[in-house]
Every structure is written in C-alpha cells, then in structure tokens.
PDB file of N, CA and C in Angstrom:
ATOM      1  N   ARG A   1      49.510  -4.332  -3.389  1.00  0.00           N
ATOM      2  CA  ARG A   1      49.061  -3.318  -4.341  1.00  0.00           C
ATOM      3  C   ARG A   1      50.276  -2.533  -4.822  1.00  0.00           C
ATOM      4  N   GLU A   2      50.367  -2.352  -6.121  1.00  0.00           N
ATOM      5  CA  GLU A   2      51.490  -1.599  -6.682  1.00  0.00           C
ATOM      6  C   GLU A   2      51.072  -0.170  -7.003  1.00  0.00           C
ATOM      7  N   PHE A   3      52.010   0.723  -6.800  1.00  0.00           N
ATOM      8  CA  PHE A   3      51.764   2.133  -7.073  1.00  0.00           C
ATOM      9  C   PHE A   3      52.825   2.654  -8.025  1.00  0.00           C
ATOM     10  N   GLU A   4      52.423   3.605  -8.828  1.00  0.00           N
ATOM     11  CA  GLU A   4      53.365   4.289  -9.711  1.00  0.00           C
ATOM     12  C   GLU A   4      53.604   5.667  -9.114  1.00  0.00           C
ATOM     13  N   GLY A   5      54.458   5.708  -8.113  1.00  0.00           N
ATOM     14  CA  GLY A   5      54.716   6.983  -7.457  1.00  0.00           C
ATOM     15  C   GLY A   5      53.667   7.291  -6.411  1.00  0.00           C
ATOM     16  N   TRP A   6      52.939   8.361  -6.602  1.00  0.00           N
ATOM     17  CA  TRP A   6      52.053   8.893  -5.568  1.00  0.00           C
ATOM     18  C   TRP A   6      50.653   8.283  -5.557  1.00  0.00           C
ATOM     19  N   CYS A   7      50.280   7.521  -6.596  1.00  0.00           N
ATOM     20  CA  CYS A   7      48.944   6.917  -6.618  1.00  0.00           C
ATOM     21  C   CYS A   7      48.948   5.666  -7.488  1.00  0.00           C
ATOM     22  N   SER A   8      47.800   4.998  -7.536  1.00  0.00           N
ATOM     23  CA  SER A   8      47.673   3.771  -8.320  1.00  0.00           C
ATOM     24  C   SER A   8      47.672   4.068  -9.817  1.00  0.00           C
ATOM     25  N   PRO A   9      48.012   3.072 -10.631  1.00  0.00           N
ATOM     26  CA  PRO A   9      47.957   3.262 -12.087  1.00  0.00           C
ATOM     27  C   PRO A   9      46.545   3.625 -12.567  1.00  0.00           C
ATOM     28  N   GLU A  10      45.523   3.046 -11.929  1.00  0.00           N
ATOM     29  CA  GLU A  10      44.138   3.345 -12.313  1.00  0.00           C
ATOM     30  C   GLU A  10      43.792   4.809 -12.067  1.00  0.00           C
ATOM     31  N   MET A  11      44.253   5.339 -10.942  1.00  0.00           N
ATOM     32  CA  MET A  11      43.974   6.741 -10.622  1.00  0.00           C
ATOM     33  C   MET A  11      44.726   7.654 -11.585  1.00  0.00           C
ATOM     34  N   LYS A  12      45.985   7.324 -11.871  1.00  0.00           N
ATOM     35  CA  LYS A  12      46.749   8.135 -12.824  1.00  0.00           C
ATOM     36  C   LYS A  12      46.062   8.158 -14.186  1.00  0.00           C
ATOM     37  N   HIS A  13      45.577   6.997 -14.618  1.00  0.00           N
ATOM     38  CA  HIS A  13      44.892   6.903 -15.907  1.00  0.00           C
ATOM     39  C   HIS A  13      43.646   7.788 -15.922  1.00  0.00           C
ATOM     40  N   PHE A  14      42.843   7.694 -14.871  1.00  0.00           N
ATOM     41  CA  PHE A  14      41.622   8.494 -14.786  1.00  0.00           C
ATOM     42  C   PHE A  14      41.947   9.986 -14.816  1.00  0.00           C
ATOM     43  N   LEU A  15      42.892  10.409 -13.999  1.00  0.00           N
ATOM     44  CA  LEU A  15      43.233  11.831 -13.926  1.00  0.00           C
ATOM     45  C   LEU A  15      43.789  12.344 -15.252  1.00  0.00           C
ATOM     46  N   ALA A  16      44.582  11.521 -15.924  1.00  0.00           N
ATOM     47  CA  ALA A  16      45.119  11.913 -17.232  1.00  0.00           C
ATOM     48  C   ALA A  16      43.988  12.077 -18.248  1.00  0.00           C
ATOM     49  N   LEU A  17      43.004  11.173 -18.215  1.00  0.00           N
ATOM     50  CA  LEU A  17      41.851  11.289 -19.118  1.00  0.00           C
ATOM     51  C   LEU A  17      41.087  12.586 -18.882  1.00  0.00           C
ATOM     52  N   GLU A  18      41.101  13.040 -17.639  1.00  0.00           N
ATOM     53  CA  GLU A  18      40.384  14.263 -17.274  1.00  0.00           C
ATOM     54  C   GLU A  18      41.231  15.521 -17.466  1.00  0.00           C
ATOM     55  N   GLY A  19      42.417  15.355 -18.046  1.00  0.00           N
ATOM     56  CA  GLY A  19      43.242  16.510 -18.383  1.00  0.00           C
ATOM     57  C   GLY A  19      44.196  16.980 -17.304  1.00  0.00           C
ATOM     58  N   HIS A  20      44.382  16.177 -16.271  1.00  0.00           N
ATOM     59  CA  HIS A  20      45.310  16.542 -15.195  1.00  0.00           C
ATOM     60  C   HIS A  20      46.691  15.963 -15.482  1.00  0.00           C
ATOM     61  N   ASP A  21      47.717  16.624 -14.997  1.00  0.00           N
ATOM     62  CA  ASP A  21      49.078  16.113 -15.111  1.00  0.00           C
ATOM     63  C   ASP A  21      49.272  15.106 -13.981  1.00  0.00           C
ATOM     64  N   ALA A  22      48.979  13.857 -14.275  1.00  0.00           N
ATOM     65  CA  ALA A  22      48.979  12.817 -13.247  1.00  0.00           C
ATOM     66  C   ALA A  22      50.377  12.377 -12.836  1.00  0.00           C
ATOM     67  N   GLU A  23      51.391  12.843 -13.533  1.00  0.00           N
ATOM     68  CA  GLU A  23      52.758  12.486 -13.152  1.00  0.00           C
ATOM     69  C   GLU A  23      53.220  13.282 -11.935  1.00  0.00           C
ATOM     70  N   HIS A  24      52.601  14.412 -11.699  1.00  0.00           N
ATOM     71  CA  HIS A  24      52.940  15.224 -10.531  1.00  0.00           C
ATOM     72  C   HIS A  24      51.892  15.000  -9.448  1.00  0.00           C
ATOM     73  N   PRO A  25      52.323  14.780  -8.214  1.00  0.00           N
ATOM     74  CA  PRO A  25      51.389  14.492  -7.132  1.00  0.00           C
ATOM     75  C   PRO A  25      50.315  15.568  -6.967  1.00  0.00           C
ATOM     76  N   MET A  26      49.112  15.097  -6.715  1.00  0.00           N
ATOM     77  CA  MET A  26      47.983  15.971  -6.405  1.00  0.00           C
ATOM     78  C   MET A  26      47.555  15.653  -4.983  1.00  0.00           C
ATOM     79  N   GLY A  27      47.088  16.642  -4.266  1.00  0.00           N
ATOM     80  CA  GLY A  27      46.554  16.408  -2.937  1.00  0.00           C
ATOM     81  C   GLY A  27      45.247  15.638  -3.024  1.00  0.00           C
ATOM     82  N   ARG A  28      44.908  14.957  -1.956  1.00  0.00           N
ATOM     83  CA  ARG A  28      43.672  14.172  -1.934  1.00  0.00           C
ATOM     84  C   ARG A  28      42.459  15.056  -2.211  1.00  0.00           C
ATOM     85  N   PHE A  29      42.444  16.266  -1.663  1.00  0.00           N
ATOM     86  CA  PHE A  29      41.326  17.181  -1.891  1.00  0.00           C
ATOM     87  C   PHE A  29      41.167  17.468  -3.382  1.00  0.00           C
ATOM     88  N   ALA A  30      42.275  17.701  -4.082  1.00  0.00           N
ATOM     89  CA  ALA A  30      42.227  17.984  -5.522  1.00  0.00           C
ATOM     90  C   ALA A  30      41.728  16.773  -6.302  1.00  0.00           C
ATOM     91  N   VAL A  31      42.112  15.574  -5.873  1.00  0.00           N
ATOM     92  CA  VAL A  31      41.651  14.353  -6.539  1.00  0.00           C
ATOM     93  C   VAL A  31      40.144  14.196  -6.351  1.00  0.00           C
ATOM     94  N   VAL A  32      39.669  14.372  -5.122  1.00  0.00           N
ATOM     95  CA  VAL A  32      38.229  14.254  -4.852  1.00  0.00           C
ATOM     96  C   VAL A  32      37.460  15.313  -5.634  1.00  0.00           C
ATOM     97  N   LYS A  33      37.999  16.500  -5.712  1.00  0.00           N
ATOM     98  CA  LYS A  33      37.366  17.576  -6.483  1.00  0.00           C
ATOM     99  C   LYS A  33      37.253  17.175  -7.958  1.00  0.00           C
ATOM    100  N   ALA A  34      38.306  16.573  -8.506  1.00  0.00           N
ATOM    101  CA  ALA A  34      38.285  16.110  -9.900  1.00  0.00           C
ATOM    102  C   ALA A  34      37.244  15.007 -10.093  1.00  0.00           C
ATOM    103  N   LEU A  35      37.128  14.112  -9.112  1.00  0.00           N
ATOM    104  CA  LEU A  35      36.124  13.048  -9.189  1.00  0.00           C
ATOM    105  C   LEU A  35      34.714  13.629  -9.201  1.00  0.00           C
ATOM    106  N   TRP A  36      34.453  14.608  -8.328  1.00  0.00           N
ATOM    107  CA  TRP A  36      33.118  15.210  -8.275  1.00  0.00           C
ATOM    108  C   TRP A  36      32.808  16.006  -9.533  1.00  0.00           C
ATOM    109  N   LYS A  37      33.794  16.619 -10.118  1.00  0.00           N
ATOM    110  CA  LYS A  37      33.587  17.324 -11.389  1.00  0.00           C
ATOM    111  C   LYS A  37      33.147  16.319 -12.456  1.00  0.00           C
ATOM    112  N   TYR A  38      33.802  15.167 -12.489  1.00  0.00           N
ATOM    113  CA  TYR A  38      33.464  14.105 -13.433  1.00  0.00           C
ATOM    114  C   TYR A  38      32.056  13.566 -13.157  1.00  0.00           C
ATOM    115  N   ILE A  39      31.741  13.338 -11.885  1.00  0.00           N
ATOM    116  CA  ILE A  39      30.419  12.827 -11.503  1.00  0.00           C
ATOM    117  C   ILE A  39      29.326  13.753 -12.020  1.00  0.00           C
ATOM    118  N   ARG A  40      29.499  15.046 -11.809  1.00  0.00           N
ATOM    119  CA  ARG A  40      28.495  16.017 -12.270  1.00  0.00           C
ATOM    120  C   ARG A  40      28.428  16.075 -13.795  1.00  0.00           C
ATOM    121  N   ALA A  41      29.583  16.097 -14.439  1.00  0.00           N
ATOM    122  CA  ALA A  41      29.620  16.199 -15.906  1.00  0.00           C
ATOM    123  C   ALA A  41      28.981  14.987 -16.581  1.00  0.00           C
ATOM    124  N   GLN A  42      29.141  13.815 -15.973  1.00  0.00           N
ATOM    125  CA  GLN A  42      28.607  12.585 -16.560  1.00  0.00           C
ATOM    126  C   GLN A  42      27.210  12.231 -16.045  1.00  0.00           C
ATOM    127  N   GLY A  43      26.699  13.023 -15.099  1.00  0.00           N
ATOM    128  CA  GLY A  43      25.370  12.747 -14.536  1.00  0.00           C
ATOM    129  C   GLY A  43      25.313  11.440 -13.761  1.00  0.00           C
ATOM    130  N   LEU A  44      26.350  11.145 -13.000  1.00  0.00           N
ATOM    131  CA  LEU A  44      26.433   9.875 -12.276  1.00  0.00           C
ATOM    132  C   LEU A  44      25.802   9.911 -10.888  1.00  0.00           C
ATOM    133  N   LYS A  45      25.471  11.079 -10.397  1.00  0.00           N
ATOM    134  CA  LYS A  45      24.871  11.203  -9.059  1.00  0.00           C
ATOM    135  C   LYS A  45      23.422  10.748  -9.124  1.00  0.00           C
ATOM    136  N   GLU A  46      23.078   9.759  -8.317  1.00  0.00           N
ATOM    137  CA  GLU A  46      21.704   9.291  -8.222  1.00  0.00           C
ATOM    138  C   GLU A  46      21.022  10.016  -7.075  1.00  0.00           C
ATOM    139  N   LYS A  47      19.713   9.893  -6.995  1.00  0.00           N
ATOM    140  CA  LYS A  47      18.992  10.478  -5.860  1.00  0.00           C
ATOM    141  C   LYS A  47      19.504   9.825  -4.589  1.00  0.00           C
ATOM    142  N   GLY A  48      19.572  10.609  -3.544  1.00  0.00           N
ATOM    143  CA  GLY A  48      20.106  10.095  -2.290  1.00  0.00           C
ATOM    144  C   GLY A  48      21.616  10.202  -2.276  1.00  0.00           C
ATOM    145  N   LYS A  49      22.244   9.203  -1.705  1.00  0.00           N
ATOM    146  CA  LYS A  49      23.689   9.284  -1.495  1.00  0.00           C
ATOM    147  C   LYS A  49      24.512   8.395  -2.431  1.00  0.00           C
ATOM    148  N   PHE A  50      23.914   7.921  -3.521  1.00  0.00           N
ATOM    149  CA  PHE A  50      24.619   6.986  -4.393  1.00  0.00           C
ATOM    150  C   PHE A  50      25.163   7.628  -5.662  1.00  0.00           C
ATOM    151  N   ILE A  51      26.259   7.042  -6.132  1.00  0.00           N
ATOM    152  CA  ILE A  51      26.911   7.461  -7.366  1.00  0.00           C
ATOM    153  C   ILE A  51      26.974   6.228  -8.264  1.00  0.00           C
ATOM    154  N   ARG A  52      26.447   6.367  -9.454  1.00  0.00           N
ATOM    155  CA  ARG A  52      26.490   5.288 -10.433  1.00  0.00           C
ATOM    156  C   ARG A  52      27.903   5.212 -11.016  1.00  0.00           C
ATOM    157  N   CYS A  53      28.418   4.016 -11.188  1.00  0.00           N
ATOM    158  CA  CYS A  53      29.766   3.839 -11.724  1.00  0.00           C
ATOM    159  C   CYS A  53      29.701   3.501 -13.210  1.00  0.00           C
ATOM    160  N   ASP A  54      30.313   4.341 -14.025  1.00  0.00           N
ATOM    161  CA  ASP A  54      30.463   4.032 -15.444  1.00  0.00           C
ATOM    162  C   ASP A  54      31.739   3.200 -15.600  1.00  0.00           C
ATOM    163  N   ALA A  55      32.145   2.939 -16.824  1.00  0.00           N
ATOM    164  CA  ALA A  55      33.315   2.082 -17.066  1.00  0.00           C
ATOM    165  C   ALA A  55      34.573   2.614 -16.377  1.00  0.00           C
ATOM    166  N   GLU A  56      34.795   3.936 -16.433  1.00  0.00           N
ATOM    167  CA  GLU A  56      35.991   4.516 -15.802  1.00  0.00           C
ATOM    168  C   GLU A  56      35.933   4.402 -14.282  1.00  0.00           C
ATOM    169  N   PHE A  57      34.770   4.661 -13.702  1.00  0.00           N
ATOM    170  CA  PHE A  57      34.644   4.581 -12.244  1.00  0.00           C
ATOM    171  C   PHE A  57      34.723   3.140 -11.753  1.00  0.00           C
ATOM    172  N   LYS A  58      34.264   2.190 -12.552  1.00  0.00           N
ATOM    173  CA  LYS A  58      34.365   0.791 -12.133  1.00  0.00           C
ATOM    174  C   LYS A  58      35.823   0.393 -11.942  1.00  0.00           C
ATOM    175  N   LYS A  59      36.716   0.963 -12.738  1.00  0.00           N
ATOM    176  CA  LYS A  59      38.144   0.680 -12.587  1.00  0.00           C
ATOM    177  C   LYS A  59      38.669   1.202 -11.251  1.00  0.00           C
ATOM    178  N   LEU A  60      38.091   2.288 -10.780  1.00  0.00           N
ATOM    179  CA  LEU A  60      38.527   2.892  -9.517  1.00  0.00           C
ATOM    180  C   LEU A  60      37.830   2.292  -8.306  1.00  0.00           C
ATOM    181  N   PHE A  61      36.562   1.883  -8.483  1.00  0.00           N
ATOM    182  CA  PHE A  61      35.730   1.494  -7.344  1.00  0.00           C
ATOM    183  C   PHE A  61      35.347   0.019  -7.354  1.00  0.00           C
ATOM    184  N   LEU A  62      36.372  -0.826  -7.482  1.00  0.00           N
ATOM    185  CA  LEU A  62      36.245  -2.272  -7.285  1.00  0.00           C
ATOM    186  C   LEU A  62      35.191  -2.918  -8.169  1.00  0.00           C
ATOM    187  N   ASP A  63      35.014  -2.411  -9.370  1.00  0.00           N
ATOM    188  CA  ASP A  63      34.085  -2.965 -10.357  1.00  0.00           C
ATOM    189  C   ASP A  63      32.622  -2.957  -9.881  1.00  0.00           C
ATOM    190  N   ARG A  64      32.296  -2.050  -8.991  1.00  0.00           N
ATOM    191  CA  ARG A  64      30.917  -1.940  -8.492  1.00  0.00           C
ATOM    192  C   ARG A  64      30.055  -1.157  -9.478  1.00  0.00           C
ATOM    193  N   ASP A  65      28.757  -1.445  -9.458  1.00  0.00           N
ATOM    194  CA  ASP A  65      27.815  -0.711 -10.307  1.00  0.00           C
ATOM    195  C   ASP A  65      27.511   0.666  -9.734  1.00  0.00           C
ATOM    196  N   ARG A  66      27.581   0.772  -8.411  1.00  0.00           N
ATOM    197  CA  ARG A  66      27.380   2.063  -7.755  1.00  0.00           C
ATOM    198  C   ARG A  66      28.044   2.036  -6.386  1.00  0.00           C
ATOM    199  N   VAL A  67      28.363   3.217  -5.881  1.00  0.00           N
ATOM    200  CA  VAL A  67      28.942   3.356  -4.545  1.00  0.00           C
ATOM    201  C   VAL A  67      28.208   4.481  -3.832  1.00  0.00           C
ATOM    202  N   ASP A  68      28.183   4.407  -2.508  1.00  0.00           N
ATOM    203  CA  ASP A  68      27.618   5.552  -1.794  1.00  0.00           C
ATOM    204  C   ASP A  68      28.745   6.542  -1.520  1.00  0.00           C
ATOM    205  N   MET A  69      28.367   7.773  -1.252  1.00  0.00           N
ATOM    206  CA  MET A  69      29.357   8.847  -1.108  1.00  0.00           C
ATOM    207  C   MET A  69      30.364   8.570  -0.004  1.00  0.00           C
ATOM    208  N   PHE A  70      29.931   7.889   1.046  1.00  0.00           N
ATOM    209  CA  PHE A  70      30.821   7.639   2.172  1.00  0.00           C
ATOM    210  C   PHE A  70      31.816   6.522   1.859  1.00  0.00           C
ATOM    211  N   SER A  71      31.345   5.447   1.214  1.00  0.00           N
ATOM    212  CA  SER A  71      32.277   4.362   0.878  1.00  0.00           C
ATOM    213  C   SER A  71      33.220   4.781  -0.245  1.00  0.00           C
ATOM    214  N   MET A  72      32.806   5.742  -1.070  1.00  0.00           N
ATOM    215  CA  MET A  72      33.672   6.239  -2.134  1.00  0.00           C
ATOM    216  C   MET A  72      34.995   6.730  -1.537  1.00  0.00           C
ATOM    217  N   ASN A  73      34.918   7.505  -0.483  1.00  0.00           N
ATOM    218  CA  ASN A  73      36.137   8.026   0.146  1.00  0.00           C
ATOM    219  C   ASN A  73      36.973   6.920   0.772  1.00  0.00           C
ATOM    220  N   ARG A  74      36.313   5.919   1.341  1.00  0.00           N
ATOM    221  CA  ARG A  74      37.044   4.802   1.941  1.00  0.00           C
ATOM    222  C   ARG A  74      37.761   3.992   0.853  1.00  0.00           C
ATOM    223  N   ILE A  75      37.071   3.741  -0.260  1.00  0.00           N
ATOM    224  CA  ILE A  75      37.664   2.971  -1.355  1.00  0.00           C
ATOM    225  C   ILE A  75      38.827   3.736  -1.984  1.00  0.00           C
ATOM    226  N   LEU A  76      38.750   5.055  -1.981  1.00  0.00           N
ATOM    227  CA  LEU A  76      39.839   5.859  -2.541  1.00  0.00           C
ATOM    228  C   LEU A  76      41.169   5.585  -1.851  1.00  0.00           C
ATOM    229  N   ASN A  77      41.123   5.178  -0.586  1.00  0.00           N
ATOM    230  CA  ASN A  77      42.364   4.869   0.136  1.00  0.00           C
ATOM    231  C   ASN A  77      43.206   3.835  -0.600  1.00  0.00           C
ATOM    232  N   ARG A  78      42.559   2.936  -1.339  1.00  0.00           N
ATOM    233  CA  ARG A  78      43.273   1.897  -2.085  1.00  0.00           C
ATOM    234  C   ARG A  78      44.162   2.477  -3.182  1.00  0.00           C
ATOM    235  N   HIS A  79      43.896   3.701  -3.581  1.00  0.00           N
ATOM    236  CA  HIS A  79      44.620   4.301  -4.694  1.00  0.00           C
ATOM    237  C   HIS A  79      45.793   5.180  -4.260  1.00  0.00           C
ATOM    238  N   PHE A  80      46.036   5.237  -2.964  1.00  0.00           N
ATOM    239  CA  PHE A  80      47.146   6.029  -2.434  1.00  0.00           C
ATOM    240  C   PHE A  80      47.975   5.151  -1.511  1.00  0.00           C
ATOM    241  N   PRO A  81      49.307   5.192  -1.629  1.00  0.00           N
ATOM    242  CA  PRO A  81      50.132   4.349  -0.759  1.00  0.00           C
ATOM    243  C   PRO A  81      50.013   4.793   0.696  1.00  0.00           C
ATOM    244  N   ARG A  82      50.068   3.810   1.562  1.00  0.00           N
ATOM    245  CA  ARG A  82      50.056   4.134   2.994  1.00  0.00           C
ATOM    246  C   ARG A  82      51.418   4.677   3.365  1.00  0.00           C
ATOM    247  N   LYS A  83      51.403   5.640   4.240  1.00  0.00           N
ATOM    248  CA  LYS A  83      52.676   6.187   4.712  1.00  0.00           C
ATOM    249  C   LYS A  83      53.224   5.259   5.783  1.00  0.00           C
ATOM    250  N   ASN A  84      54.489   4.973   5.673  1.00  0.00           N
ATOM    251  CA  ASN A  84      55.155   4.117   6.629  1.00  0.00           C
ATOM    252  C   ASN A  84      55.513   4.963   7.850  1.00  0.00           C
ATOM    253  N   LYS A  85      54.836   4.706   8.980  1.00  0.00           N
ATOM    254  CA  LYS A  85      55.043   5.526  10.180  1.00  0.00           C
ATOM    255  C   LYS A  85      56.477   5.450  10.688  1.00  0.00           C
ATOM    256  N   LYS A  86      57.096   4.271  10.627  1.00  0.00           N
ATOM    257  CA  LYS A  86      58.478   4.142  11.090  1.00  0.00           C
ATOM    258  C   LYS A  86      59.408   4.976  10.218  1.00  0.00           C
ATOM    259  N   GLU A  87      59.174   4.914   8.908  1.00  0.00           N
ATOM    260  CA  GLU A  87      60.011   5.668   7.973  1.00  0.00           C
ATOM    261  C   GLU A  87      59.833   7.169   8.178  1.00  0.00           C
ATOM    262  N   GLU A  88      58.583   7.609   8.385  1.00  0.00           N
ATOM    263  CA  GLU A  88      58.323   9.031   8.618  1.00  0.00           C
ATOM    264  C   GLU A  88      58.980   9.496   9.902  1.00  0.00           C
ATOM    265  N   SER A  89      58.900   8.675  10.948  1.00  0.00           N
ATOM    266  CA  SER A  89      59.498   9.023  12.229  1.00  0.00           C
ATOM    267  C   SER A  89      61.012   9.157  12.084  1.00  0.00           C
ATOM    268  N   LYS A  90      61.611   8.238  11.347  1.00  0.00           N
ATOM    269  CA  LYS A  90      63.054   8.270  11.121  1.00  0.00           C
ATOM    270  C   LYS A  90      63.452   9.538  10.368  1.00  0.00           C
ATOM    271  N   LYS A  91      62.672   9.897   9.335  1.00  0.00           N
ATOM    272  CA  LYS A  91      62.958  11.102   8.557  1.00  0.00           C
ATOM    273  C   LYS A  91      62.837  12.349   9.415  1.00  0.00           C
ATOM    274  N   SER A  92      61.805  12.404  10.270  1.00  0.00           N
ATOM    275  CA  SER A  92      61.625  13.596  11.098  1.00  0.00           C
ATOM    276  C   SER A  92      62.745  13.711  12.131  1.00  0.00           C
ATOM    277  N   LYS A  93      63.240  12.582  12.644  1.00  0.00           N
ATOM    278  CA  LYS A  93      64.358  12.607  13.586  1.00  0.00           C
ATOM    279  C   LYS A  93      65.629  13.086  12.895  1.00  0.00           C
ATOM    280  N   GLN A  94      65.843  12.624  11.652  1.00  0.00           N
ATOM    281  CA  GLN A  94      67.018  13.049  10.896  1.00  0.00           C
ATOM    282  C   GLN A  94      66.958  14.539  10.605  1.00  0.00           C
ATOM    283  N   THR A  95      65.781  15.035  10.285  1.00  0.00           N
ATOM    284  CA  THR A  95      65.600  16.458  10.009  1.00  0.00           C
ATOM    285  C   THR A  95      65.872  17.276  11.268  1.00  0.00           C
ATOM    286  N   ALA A  96      65.415  16.778  12.424  1.00  0.00           N
ATOM    287  CA  ALA A  96      65.618  17.484  13.684  1.00  0.00           C
ATOM    288  C   ALA A  96      67.105  17.546  14.040  1.00  0.00           C
ATOM    289  N   VAL A  97      67.837  16.471  13.758  1.00  0.00           N
ATOM    290  CA  VAL A  97      69.267  16.423  14.057  1.00  0.00           C
ATOM    291  C   VAL A  97      70.022  17.409  13.173  1.00  0.00           C
ATOM    292  N   LYS A  98      69.619  17.541  11.909  1.00  0.00           N
ATOM    293  CA  LYS A  98      70.276  18.449  10.973  1.00  0.00           C
ATOM    294  C   LYS A  98      70.042  19.903  11.327  1.00  0.00           C
ATOM    295  N   SER A  99      68.932  20.203  11.976  1.00  0.00           N
ATOM    296  CA  SER A  99      68.592  21.604  12.292  1.00  0.00           C
ATOM    297  C   SER A  99      69.447  22.188  13.368  1.00  0.00           C
TER     298      SER A  99
END
C-alpha cells in the first residue's frame, strides 16, 4: 500500500473534498470526526449500526455498499501507515542519548 505522507491518497482526496487541509497531518480522532460529520450531512447512517457507502465512501471502505460502525474503524487502519516499531525504538534511543 502506498501513502502520500501521513495517509492514503484516497483519504487525502476525501478530506480535501470536505474542506480540510489534507497536506498537513490530522490526528485519527479529527479524521473520524470529519467522517461522522459527512455521514450525518449525507444521511448515510442506517438504523442500527450500519453506514451506507456512497461513491466517496466506497473509495475509502473497500468498495462496500455498507459498513458497520465497528468495521469502519478497522478498515480505516488501511489509510494510515503502520509505525515501524524498530525505527521508533531507534529514534527514542537517539533522543535519549542526546538529552
């Protein structure tokens, strides 16, 4: 999976459409908040725990017609790069040595 900086190209596109500056990193909480704002504005919340996917959401959620609220968060992981634990450990050790 390729990323353009802090998130996937699909996520950057969605956030830009919603008026966010997608070139600057957003926290996961802010991204989820933006998604829920869109869900409410577009009336995508179905009864129960499901969210209907329109054309924009299908790009984010594996081309599914709908997702449940719990799998939505799991699928979102695909749009953010995994942190390399070895690299993070190395950086924290270097920071500790400099202090």
